[in-house]
Amino acid sequence: MATVITPDPRRWWALTALVASMLTLGFDMTILNVALPTMAGDLGARTGEQQWMADAYVVVFAALMLPAGLLGDRFGRRLMLVTGLGIFLAGSVMGALAPDVTWVVVARAVMGVGGALVMPLALSVLPSLFGPDERSKAIGVMSAASALGMPLGPILGGWLLDHFWWGSVFLVNVPMVGIGVAACLFLLPETRDPASPKVDVTATSLTAAGLGALVYAIIEAPTRGWGDPLVAGFLAGAVVLLAGLVLRERRAARPMLDMELLRHRGFLVNALTATLVTFVLAGLLFLLPPYLQAVLGHDALGTGLRLLPMMAGLMISARGAQPVVARFGPRAVVSCGLVTLAFAAFLGSRTTADSGYGFTALWLTVTGLGFGFAVVPAMDGALATLPSDRAGSGSGLLMTLRQVGSAIGIALLGSLLASAYRDRLDVTGLSGRAADTAGESVVAAHLVAERSGTPGLAASANSAYVHGMGVVLLVCGVAALVAALSAAAFLPGSESAEGGESGSPAMAGPGADARQ
């Protein structure tokens, strides 16, 4: 006679704890981008340092996400989830009190450690709380919480910056983390899987060191030059470290990073598509706030509000993607989403310093629509190709690739922007020191123009920044078109062709995460 498993009566209350945890991370995904121009002015941060403020979190997050999930399996998911929130809180307080750029970068790295514990563990708790019939609904609630943080983050960050100092964007995490910790302690039952593999410290170290070296080289290249010995050395080191990671994981009996999954065509193409979209999104969220604040002259709150068209387009298309996929198939929807993204990027590249916000709002809305229609079916399609016994490792690999794409997007597109900006900036008549300062960022150029009484410098900085933004958008558009052609050529025409259903529990979790 079959054993009837009684659902945990506290499961929906426990979901509240997970929602609070995910909402905290959702805020942090976008709130810092609005604060970066203000922080650049107050701390004197050049573009490369601003890139590190954003990337320090993402690099650590990507490197530690897989081992963090294993730690939760072995020692207790609630324990490690609360630990992650505590570490995230410590990093937030450190960031609010940071006296200079270096300490902000350190604080962001600490927050990345906490975030790496929270994200995979919040998702891994769900199968132990909810049966297949309830799991999709629970994941939808968690997905909505994460998605809600994206548009609310810029608005809340803008309001805080208009009324308080830049450190307030870190301190806002304190009450959010407090709610999350209390909810986890009182509402979330402890679960673990003692049979899970041990954390591979060597593989984790190779991942962190390899990604860190790669991002450092990309960020420093525009200033030092690609032929600089230091840049070349870090690039070579990154290749060696990441190659060592691949070789180690291929030989491991129970690898943390299941590289064999990349041999599956459906998984590989969908994973690369989702990674590319995350690459572009992270880069745009980095370059848009300085444009809205320094070039168009909006305050921090106005900047947050003016990012809403892209967020709205993303949320609308993410919600509408599944019915469209059911009607036309994932290959057509992903390809059209990428073509839409390419069109938006090419349209945005036509922006000038005098275009005004109306034109920007148009291409931002189209951008959001393209993002949603590309990333949601791609994420769902990737996990629909996996057998049930590899769903966990597949979702971990997919989330790691997305975080890597985010880190490289900020580094590469930010560096391209910085290089194009410096090449176009007119610093005629300025002293060498003032010219170097103005070349660090458009925010710095406006400060130099104000102090030196040279309004022509501000106009030149605006024009140079918009030129750099146009170059970045052209690159994004070309990349999206290439990805669209690849998706049209290599993706299966229907999900059933690869043996998966988009509504299956195995892929609902990370698929829901895509709706962020």
Protein backbone atom coordinates (compact mmCIF):
# COMPACT_ATOMS: atom_id res chain seq x y z
CA MET A 1 0.00 0.00 0.00
CA ALA A 2 1.44 3.37 -1.06
CA THR A 3 2.50 5.77 1.67
CA VAL A 4 0.61 9.05 1.64
CA ILE A 5 2.90 12.01 2.32
CA THR A 6 1.10 14.77 4.21
CA PRO A 7 2.09 18.26 3.00
CA ASP A 8 3.72 20.50 5.58
CA PRO A 9 0.88 22.63 7.03
CA ARG A 10 3.27 25.60 7.30
CA ARG A 11 4.36 25.47 3.68
CA TRP A 12 2.56 28.62 2.51
CA TRP A 13 3.81 30.54 5.55
CA ALA A 14 7.28 29.20 4.82
CA LEU A 15 6.93 30.59 1.30
CA THR A 16 6.66 34.04 2.91
CA ALA A 17 10.21 33.61 4.23
CA LEU A 18 11.49 32.71 0.78
CA VAL A 19 9.64 35.63 -0.82
CA ALA A 20 11.22 38.06 1.66
CA SER A 21 14.65 36.65 0.86
CA MET A 22 14.18 36.87 -2.92
CA LEU A 23 12.72 40.37 -2.74
CA THR A 24 15.88 41.54 -0.95
CA LEU A 25 18.01 40.29 -3.84
CA GLY A 26 15.56 41.69 -6.38
CA PHE A 27 16.00 45.20 -4.98
CA ASP A 28 19.77 44.93 -5.05
CA MET A 29 19.83 43.86 -8.70
CA THR A 30 18.91 47.35 -9.91
CA ILE A 31 19.13 49.79 -7.01
CA LEU A 32 22.92 50.20 -7.22
CA ASN A 33 22.84 51.15 -10.91
CA VAL A 34 20.83 54.28 -10.11
CA ALA A 35 23.25 55.16 -7.32
CA LEU A 36 26.44 54.77 -9.36
CA PRO A 37 26.47 58.28 -10.91
CA THR A 38 25.99 59.86 -7.48
CA MET A 39 28.64 57.61 -5.95
CA ALA A 40 31.01 58.43 -8.82
CA GLY A 41 30.67 62.13 -8.07
CA ASP A 42 31.04 61.82 -4.31
CA LEU A 43 33.83 59.22 -4.33
CA GLY A 44 35.59 60.33 -7.51
CA ALA A 45 35.17 56.90 -9.09
CA ARG A 46 36.28 56.49 -12.68
CA THR A 47 34.34 54.24 -15.06
CA GLY A 48 36.52 51.20 -14.33
CA GLU A 49 35.97 51.59 -10.59
CA GLN A 50 32.22 51.89 -11.13
CA GLN A 51 32.39 48.65 -13.13
CA TRP A 52 34.07 46.94 -10.18
CA MET A 53 31.39 48.21 -7.79
CA ALA A 54 28.83 46.38 -9.90
CA ASP A 55 30.96 43.40 -10.93
CA ALA A 56 32.46 42.51 -7.53
CA TYR A 57 29.04 41.25 -6.47
CA VAL A 58 28.32 39.37 -9.68
CA VAL A 59 31.72 37.64 -9.97
CA VAL A 60 31.58 36.33 -6.38
CA PHE A 61 27.92 35.37 -6.83
CA ALA A 62 28.67 33.35 -9.97
CA ALA A 63 31.70 31.63 -8.45
CA LEU A 64 30.00 30.57 -5.21
CA MET A 65 26.44 29.75 -6.27
CA LEU A 66 27.03 26.05 -6.98
CA PRO A 67 29.06 25.27 -3.83
CA ALA A 68 26.56 27.31 -1.79
CA GLY A 69 23.78 25.00 -2.89
CA LEU A 70 25.82 21.97 -1.84
CA LEU A 71 26.52 23.51 1.57
CA GLY A 72 22.80 23.91 2.11
CA ASP A 73 22.14 20.32 1.11
CA ARG A 74 24.70 18.98 3.58
CA PHE A 75 24.35 21.30 6.61
CA GLY A 76 20.75 22.47 6.37
CA ARG A 77 19.11 24.80 3.87
CA ARG A 78 17.43 27.02 6.47
CA LEU A 79 20.71 27.41 8.38
CA MET A 80 22.67 28.40 5.28
CA LEU A 81 19.85 30.62 4.01
CA VAL A 82 19.85 32.57 7.27
CA THR A 83 23.66 32.64 7.16
CA GLY A 84 23.51 34.05 3.63
CA LEU A 85 21.10 36.78 4.67
CA GLY A 86 23.37 37.62 7.61
CA ILE A 87 26.41 37.91 5.35
CA PHE A 88 24.39 40.02 2.92
CA LEU A 89 23.43 42.30 5.83
CA ALA A 90 27.05 42.63 6.96
CA GLY A 91 28.11 43.60 3.43
CA SER A 92 25.29 46.14 3.19
CA VAL A 93 26.32 47.86 6.44
CA MET A 94 29.95 47.82 5.29
CA GLY A 95 28.94 49.43 1.99
CA ALA A 96 26.91 52.16 3.71
CA LEU A 97 29.89 53.10 5.90
CA ALA A 98 32.57 52.68 3.20
CA PRO A 99 34.95 55.68 3.08
CA ASP A 100 36.24 55.08 -0.45
CA VAL A 101 35.80 53.06 -3.63
CA THR A 102 37.97 50.15 -2.46
CA TRP A 103 35.78 49.49 0.56
CA VAL A 104 32.63 49.72 -1.56
CA VAL A 105 34.06 47.03 -3.86
CA VAL A 106 34.94 44.86 -0.84
CA ALA A 107 31.43 45.35 0.57
CA ARG A 108 29.87 44.35 -2.74
CA ALA A 109 31.98 41.19 -2.80
CA VAL A 110 30.78 40.30 0.71
CA MET A 111 27.20 40.87 -0.43
CA GLY A 112 27.92 38.52 -3.34
CA VAL A 113 28.82 35.77 -0.88
CA GLY A 114 25.48 36.26 0.88
CA GLY A 115 23.53 36.42 -2.36
CA ALA A 116 25.15 33.21 -3.59
CA LEU A 117 23.81 31.41 -0.52
CA VAL A 118 20.32 32.91 -0.74
CA MET A 119 19.41 32.44 -4.42
CA PRO A 120 19.98 28.68 -5.00
CA LEU A 121 18.88 27.67 -1.51
CA ALA A 122 15.60 29.58 -1.75
CA LEU A 123 14.82 27.62 -4.91
CA SER A 124 16.07 24.27 -3.58
CA VAL A 125 13.78 24.43 -0.53
CA LEU A 126 10.63 24.36 -2.65
CA PRO A 127 10.63 20.67 -3.69
CA SER A 128 10.70 19.62 -0.02
CA LEU A 129 7.72 21.85 0.82
CA PHE A 130 5.41 21.52 -2.19
CA GLY A 131 4.25 18.62 -4.29
CA PRO A 132 4.24 18.77 -8.10
CA ASP A 133 0.64 20.05 -8.14
CA GLU A 134 1.50 23.10 -5.98
CA ARG A 135 5.11 23.71 -6.91
CA SER A 136 4.47 25.77 -10.06
CA LYS A 137 2.18 28.12 -8.14
CA ALA A 138 4.77 28.55 -5.37
CA ILE A 139 7.53 29.22 -7.88
CA GLY A 140 5.31 31.78 -9.61
CA VAL A 141 4.91 33.64 -6.32
CA MET A 142 8.69 33.65 -5.76
CA SER A 143 9.30 34.73 -9.33
CA ALA A 144 6.87 37.63 -8.92
CA ALA A 145 8.73 38.74 -5.78
CA SER A 146 12.05 38.81 -7.62
CA ALA A 147 10.54 40.56 -10.64
CA LEU A 148 8.89 43.14 -8.38
CA GLY A 149 12.28 44.15 -7.02
CA MET A 150 13.58 45.14 -10.46
CA PRO A 151 11.28 48.13 -11.14
CA LEU A 152 10.95 49.07 -7.45
CA GLY A 153 14.73 49.10 -6.94
CA PRO A 154 15.46 52.14 -9.16
CA ILE A 155 12.46 54.07 -7.80
CA LEU A 156 13.31 53.39 -4.17
CA GLY A 157 17.00 54.07 -4.82
CA GLY A 158 16.20 57.33 -6.56
CA TRP A 159 13.98 58.50 -3.70
CA LEU A 160 16.65 57.65 -1.13
CA LEU A 161 19.35 59.48 -3.09
CA ASP A 162 17.15 62.56 -3.38
CA HIS A 163 16.66 62.68 0.41
CA PHE A 164 19.74 60.99 1.93
CA TRP A 165 23.37 60.17 1.11
CA TRP A 166 24.38 57.38 -1.26
CA GLY A 167 24.97 54.91 1.59
CA SER A 168 21.22 54.77 2.15
CA VAL A 169 20.87 52.44 -0.87
CA PHE A 170 22.81 49.88 1.16
CA LEU A 171 21.04 50.50 4.45
CA VAL A 172 17.64 49.85 2.87
CA ASN A 173 18.68 46.19 2.91
CA VAL A 174 18.75 46.15 6.72
CA PRO A 175 14.98 46.01 7.35
CA MET A 176 14.48 43.72 4.34
CA VAL A 177 17.08 41.25 5.65
CA GLY A 178 15.63 41.50 9.16
CA ILE A 179 12.22 40.48 7.87
CA GLY A 180 13.73 37.65 5.83
CA VAL A 181 15.76 36.24 8.74
CA ALA A 182 12.82 36.39 11.16
CA ALA A 183 10.53 34.72 8.63
CA CYS A 184 13.08 31.94 7.95
CA LEU A 185 13.68 31.24 11.66
CA PHE A 186 10.01 31.10 12.63
CA LEU A 187 8.29 29.82 9.50
CA LEU A 188 10.74 27.73 7.48
CA PRO A 189 11.38 24.08 8.46
CA GLU A 190 14.93 22.76 8.21
CA THR A 191 15.69 20.42 5.29
CA ARG A 192 18.92 18.80 4.07
CA ASP A 193 20.28 16.09 1.78
CA PRO A 194 23.27 14.38 3.44
CA ALA A 195 23.88 12.33 0.29
CA SER A 196 24.79 15.39 -1.78
CA PRO A 197 28.38 15.62 -3.07
CA LYS A 198 31.02 17.48 -1.09
CA VAL A 199 32.02 21.02 -2.03
CA ASP A 200 35.02 20.95 -4.39
CA VAL A 201 37.21 23.72 -2.94
CA THR A 202 39.68 23.51 -5.84
CA ALA A 203 36.97 23.89 -8.49
CA THR A 204 35.42 26.78 -6.57
CA SER A 205 38.81 28.51 -6.32
CA LEU A 206 39.48 28.00 -10.03
CA THR A 207 36.07 29.50 -10.88
CA ALA A 208 36.52 32.58 -8.69
CA ALA A 209 40.12 33.22 -9.73
CA GLY A 210 39.43 32.65 -13.44
CA LEU A 211 36.39 34.90 -13.59
CA GLY A 212 38.10 37.56 -11.48
CA ALA A 213 41.17 37.60 -13.74
CA LEU A 214 39.03 37.78 -16.89
CA VAL A 215 36.89 40.65 -15.60
CA TYR A 216 39.95 42.55 -14.33
CA ALA A 217 41.65 42.32 -17.73
CA ILE A 218 38.54 43.48 -19.60
CA ILE A 219 37.99 46.45 -17.26
CA GLU A 220 41.64 47.59 -17.28
CA ALA A 221 42.25 47.11 -21.03
CA PRO A 222 40.78 50.46 -22.21
CA THR A 223 43.10 52.36 -19.82
CA ARG A 224 46.28 50.28 -20.08
CA GLY A 225 45.81 48.87 -23.58
CA TRP A 226 45.16 45.29 -24.67
CA GLY A 227 48.88 44.77 -25.25
CA ASP A 228 49.84 45.84 -21.75
CA PRO A 229 51.79 43.04 -19.98
CA LEU A 230 49.52 43.14 -16.94
CA VAL A 231 46.33 42.89 -19.02
CA ALA A 232 47.80 40.17 -21.23
CA GLY A 233 49.00 38.28 -18.15
CA PHE A 234 45.58 38.35 -16.52
CA LEU A 235 43.92 37.23 -19.77
CA ALA A 236 46.35 34.34 -20.10
CA GLY A 237 45.86 33.47 -16.44
CA ALA A 238 42.08 33.48 -16.88
CA VAL A 239 42.33 31.08 -19.84
CA VAL A 240 44.59 28.70 -17.89
CA LEU A 241 42.43 28.79 -14.74
CA LEU A 242 39.13 28.28 -16.56
CA ALA A 243 40.62 25.54 -18.74
CA GLY A 244 41.82 23.84 -15.56
CA LEU A 245 38.29 24.10 -14.16
CA VAL A 246 36.81 22.43 -17.26
CA LEU A 247 39.37 19.60 -17.17
CA ARG A 248 38.81 18.99 -13.46
CA GLU A 249 35.04 18.95 -13.76
CA ARG A 250 35.12 16.62 -16.77
CA ARG A 251 37.13 14.09 -14.76
CA ALA A 252 35.13 14.39 -11.53
CA ALA A 253 32.80 11.53 -10.64
CA ARG A 254 30.17 13.97 -9.29
CA PRO A 255 31.05 17.40 -10.74
CA MET A 256 29.62 20.64 -9.37
CA LEU A 257 29.59 22.06 -12.89
CA ASP A 258 28.14 19.43 -15.22
CA MET A 259 29.95 20.36 -18.44
CA GLU A 260 28.60 17.29 -20.26
CA LEU A 261 25.24 19.05 -20.50
CA LEU A 262 26.74 21.48 -23.01
CA ARG A 263 26.97 18.62 -25.53
CA HIS A 264 23.18 18.65 -25.79
CA ARG A 265 22.33 20.97 -28.66
CA GLY A 266 19.00 22.18 -27.27
CA PHE A 267 20.49 22.94 -23.86
CA LEU A 268 23.59 24.61 -25.31
CA VAL A 269 21.80 26.96 -27.74
CA ASN A 270 19.15 27.95 -25.19
CA ALA A 271 21.77 28.47 -22.48
CA LEU A 272 23.90 30.66 -24.74
CA THR A 273 20.82 32.67 -25.72
CA ALA A 274 19.84 33.29 -22.09
CA THR A 275 23.44 34.20 -21.26
CA LEU A 276 23.65 36.69 -24.15
CA VAL A 277 20.40 38.38 -23.10
CA THR A 278 21.67 38.68 -19.53
CA PHE A 279 24.96 40.06 -20.91
CA VAL A 280 23.10 42.83 -22.76
CA LEU A 281 20.71 43.59 -19.89
CA ALA A 282 23.52 43.99 -17.35
CA GLY A 283 25.46 46.25 -19.71
CA LEU A 284 22.43 48.47 -20.41
CA LEU A 285 21.55 48.81 -16.73
CA PHE A 286 25.14 49.98 -16.18
CA LEU A 287 25.27 52.62 -18.93
CA LEU A 288 21.71 54.03 -18.79
CA PRO A 289 21.73 55.81 -15.37
CA PRO A 290 24.68 58.13 -16.25
CA TYR A 291 22.94 58.99 -19.52
CA LEU A 292 19.65 59.80 -17.79
CA GLN A 293 21.28 61.73 -14.94
CA ALA A 294 24.34 63.45 -16.41
CA VAL A 295 23.26 63.91 -20.04
CA LEU A 296 19.51 64.45 -19.72
CA GLY A 297 19.79 66.11 -16.30
CA HIS A 298 17.26 64.08 -14.29
CA ASP A 299 17.65 63.51 -10.57
CA ALA A 300 18.07 60.05 -9.08
CA LEU A 301 14.34 59.45 -8.55
CA GLY A 302 13.58 60.67 -12.07
CA THR A 303 16.19 58.26 -13.38
CA GLY A 304 14.57 55.34 -11.58
CA LEU A 305 11.16 56.24 -12.96
CA ARG A 306 12.54 56.56 -16.48
CA LEU A 307 13.88 53.01 -16.40
CA LEU A 308 10.34 51.70 -15.95
CA PRO A 309 9.50 51.38 -19.69
CA MET A 310 12.20 48.73 -20.10
CA MET A 311 11.10 46.94 -16.90
CA ALA A 312 7.46 47.11 -17.98
CA GLY A 313 8.26 45.69 -21.41
CA LEU A 314 10.28 42.90 -19.79
CA MET A 315 7.54 41.93 -17.33
CA ILE A 316 4.77 42.06 -19.97
CA SER A 317 6.64 39.88 -22.43
CA ALA A 318 7.83 37.48 -19.70
CA ARG A 319 4.21 36.91 -18.65
CA GLY A 320 2.98 36.56 -22.22
CA ALA A 321 5.80 34.38 -23.50
CA GLN A 322 4.39 30.96 -22.60
CA PRO A 323 1.04 31.27 -24.47
CA VAL A 324 2.92 32.52 -27.53
CA VAL A 325 5.38 29.61 -27.27
CA ALA A 326 2.46 27.18 -27.04
CA ARG A 327 1.07 28.63 -30.28
CA PHE A 328 4.22 29.12 -32.39
CA GLY A 329 6.95 27.04 -30.71
CA PRO A 330 10.07 28.15 -28.84
CA ARG A 331 12.32 28.48 -31.89
CA ALA A 332 10.11 31.11 -33.51
CA VAL A 333 9.52 33.03 -30.26
CA VAL A 334 13.18 33.09 -29.17
CA SER A 335 14.32 34.11 -32.65
CA CYS A 336 11.71 36.89 -32.89
CA GLY A 337 12.58 38.08 -29.37
CA LEU A 338 16.24 38.37 -30.34
CA VAL A 339 15.37 40.18 -33.59
CA THR A 340 13.21 42.58 -31.56
CA LEU A 341 16.12 43.13 -29.18
CA ALA A 342 18.44 43.80 -32.12
CA PHE A 343 15.96 46.29 -33.62
CA ALA A 344 15.70 48.10 -30.28
CA ALA A 345 19.50 48.27 -29.99
CA PHE A 346 19.91 49.63 -33.52
CA LEU A 347 17.14 52.15 -32.86
CA GLY A 348 18.78 53.19 -29.59
CA SER A 349 22.13 53.67 -31.34
CA ARG A 350 20.50 56.59 -33.20
CA THR A 351 20.12 58.49 -29.91
CA THR A 352 21.83 61.88 -29.78
CA ALA A 353 22.49 64.28 -26.92
CA ASP A 354 19.47 66.29 -28.10
CA SER A 355 17.06 63.37 -28.65
CA GLY A 356 15.19 63.82 -25.37
CA TYR A 357 13.58 61.16 -23.22
CA GLY A 358 10.60 60.38 -25.48
CA PHE A 359 12.77 58.65 -28.06
CA THR A 360 14.69 56.86 -25.30
CA ALA A 361 11.46 55.60 -23.71
CA LEU A 362 10.42 54.15 -27.09
CA TRP A 363 13.51 52.03 -27.63
CA LEU A 364 13.67 51.06 -23.96
CA THR A 365 10.13 49.65 -24.17
CA VAL A 366 10.98 47.66 -27.30
CA THR A 367 14.16 46.47 -25.58
CA GLY A 368 12.19 45.11 -22.62
CA LEU A 369 9.80 43.28 -24.93
CA GLY A 370 12.68 41.66 -26.80
CA PHE A 371 14.34 40.61 -23.53
CA GLY A 372 11.26 38.85 -22.20
CA PHE A 373 10.35 37.00 -25.39
CA ALA A 374 13.96 35.80 -25.78
CA VAL A 375 15.00 34.84 -22.26
CA VAL A 376 11.89 33.11 -20.86
CA PRO A 377 11.48 30.50 -23.64
CA ALA A 378 15.26 30.05 -23.76
CA MET A 379 15.46 29.30 -20.03
CA ASP A 380 12.43 27.04 -20.16
CA GLY A 381 13.69 25.28 -23.29
CA ALA A 382 17.13 24.64 -21.78
CA LEU A 383 15.76 22.86 -18.73
CA ALA A 384 13.04 21.06 -20.68
CA THR A 385 15.82 19.14 -22.48
CA LEU A 386 17.23 17.69 -19.24
CA PRO A 387 16.44 14.28 -17.76
CA SER A 388 14.94 14.52 -14.28
CA ASP A 389 18.08 13.22 -12.57
CA ARG A 390 20.13 16.10 -13.99
CA ALA A 391 17.65 18.93 -13.51
CA GLY A 392 19.49 20.20 -10.44
CA SER A 393 22.94 20.30 -12.05
CA GLY A 394 21.47 21.73 -15.24
CA SER A 395 19.70 24.59 -13.47
CA GLY A 396 22.88 25.31 -11.49
CA LEU A 397 24.96 25.47 -14.68
CA LEU A 398 22.37 27.66 -16.38
CA MET A 399 22.19 30.15 -13.49
CA THR A 400 25.99 30.25 -13.29
CA LEU A 401 26.28 30.99 -17.01
CA ARG A 402 23.78 33.83 -16.66
CA GLN A 403 25.77 35.39 -13.83
CA VAL A 404 28.97 35.06 -15.84
CA GLY A 405 27.20 36.77 -18.73
CA SER A 406 26.16 39.58 -16.40
CA ALA A 407 29.70 40.10 -15.10
CA ILE A 408 31.25 40.09 -18.57
CA GLY A 409 28.48 42.35 -19.90
CA ILE A 410 29.25 45.03 -17.32
CA ALA A 411 33.01 44.64 -17.86
CA LEU A 412 33.11 44.43 -21.66
CA LEU A 413 30.35 46.87 -22.59
CA GLY A 414 31.42 49.30 -19.86
CA SER A 415 35.01 49.19 -21.13
CA LEU A 416 33.87 49.72 -24.71
CA LEU A 417 31.82 52.71 -23.57
CA ALA A 418 34.76 54.17 -21.61
CA SER A 419 37.12 53.83 -24.56
CA ALA A 420 34.71 55.42 -27.07
CA TYR A 421 33.90 58.21 -24.59
CA ARG A 422 37.56 59.13 -24.04
CA ASP A 423 38.33 59.08 -27.76
CA ARG A 424 35.51 61.53 -28.56
CA LEU A 425 35.87 63.88 -25.51
CA ASP A 426 37.32 67.32 -26.33
CA VAL A 427 39.64 68.41 -23.47
CA THR A 428 41.29 71.29 -25.33
CA GLY A 429 42.42 74.02 -22.91
CA LEU A 430 42.37 71.83 -19.81
CA SER A 431 45.39 70.99 -17.71
CA GLY A 432 46.68 67.45 -17.87
CA ARG A 433 45.20 66.54 -14.50
CA ALA A 434 41.81 68.09 -15.29
CA ALA A 435 41.76 66.35 -18.69
CA ASP A 436 42.49 62.98 -17.06
CA THR A 437 39.73 63.54 -14.52
CA ALA A 438 37.21 64.53 -17.19
CA GLY A 439 38.10 61.40 -19.17
CA GLU A 440 37.26 59.13 -16.22
CA SER A 441 33.47 59.46 -16.61
CA VAL A 442 30.76 61.80 -17.85
CA VAL A 443 29.91 62.62 -14.21
CA ALA A 444 33.52 63.62 -13.55
CA ALA A 445 33.55 65.76 -16.71
CA HIS A 446 30.50 67.69 -15.50
CA LEU A 447 32.20 68.32 -12.15
CA VAL A 448 35.36 69.57 -13.90
CA ALA A 449 33.27 71.79 -16.18
CA GLU A 450 31.48 73.29 -13.19
CA ARG A 451 34.68 73.95 -11.24
CA SER A 452 36.66 75.31 -14.20
CA GLY A 453 33.84 77.36 -15.71
CA THR A 454 34.04 75.62 -19.10
CA PRO A 455 30.47 74.82 -20.19
CA GLY A 456 31.78 73.55 -23.54
CA LEU A 457 33.34 70.62 -21.71
CA ALA A 458 29.95 69.48 -20.37
CA ALA A 459 28.44 69.60 -23.87
CA SER A 460 31.41 67.67 -25.26
CA ALA A 461 31.11 65.08 -22.46
CA ASN A 462 27.40 64.61 -23.19
CA SER A 463 28.06 64.14 -26.89
CA ALA A 464 30.97 61.77 -26.22
CA TYR A 465 28.97 59.66 -23.78
CA VAL A 466 26.01 59.33 -26.15
CA HIS A 467 28.45 58.39 -28.93
CA GLY A 468 29.92 55.67 -26.71
CA MET A 469 26.44 54.46 -25.80
CA GLY A 470 25.60 54.26 -29.51
CA VAL A 471 28.69 52.14 -30.17
CA VAL A 472 27.71 49.78 -27.35
CA LEU A 473 24.17 49.48 -28.66
CA LEU A 474 25.43 48.69 -32.18
CA VAL A 475 27.54 45.87 -30.74
CA CYS A 476 24.53 44.60 -28.79
CA GLY A 477 22.38 44.72 -31.91
CA VAL A 478 24.87 42.73 -33.99
CA ALA A 479 25.26 40.16 -31.19
CA ALA A 480 21.49 39.78 -30.90
CA LEU A 481 21.15 39.27 -34.67
CA VAL A 482 23.85 36.58 -34.68
CA ALA A 483 22.10 34.89 -31.76
CA ALA A 484 18.75 35.09 -33.59
CA LEU A 485 20.22 33.37 -36.65
CA SER A 486 21.77 30.67 -34.42
CA ALA A 487 18.47 30.11 -32.62
CA ALA A 488 16.55 29.88 -35.89
CA ALA A 489 19.08 27.39 -37.28
CA PHE A 490 19.71 25.14 -34.29
CA LEU A 491 16.80 25.27 -31.85
CA PRO A 492 14.14 22.54 -32.15
CA GLY A 493 10.83 23.66 -33.56
CA SER A 494 8.79 22.46 -30.57
CA GLU A 495 9.43 21.59 -26.96
CA SER A 496 8.11 18.09 -27.42
CA ALA A 497 10.84 17.47 -29.94
CA GLU A 498 13.31 17.60 -27.12
CA GLY A 499 11.28 15.65 -24.72
CA GLY A 500 10.25 18.37 -22.30
CA GLU A 501 7.25 20.41 -21.28
CA SER A 502 7.50 24.01 -20.17
CA GLY A 503 5.17 23.41 -17.32
CA SER A 504 7.11 20.53 -15.85
CA PRO A 505 8.19 20.90 -12.25
CA ALA A 506 11.80 20.19 -13.06
CA MET A 507 12.20 23.29 -15.11
CA ALA A 508 9.70 25.58 -13.51
CA GLY A 509 12.11 26.82 -10.89
CA PRO A 510 14.87 28.25 -13.06
CA GLY A 511 12.33 29.05 -15.71
CA ALA A 512 10.59 31.18 -13.14
CA ASP A 513 13.90 32.73 -12.30
CA ALA A 514 14.16 33.82 -15.90
CA ARG A 515 11.15 36.01 -15.39
CA GLN A 516 13.28 38.25 -13.29
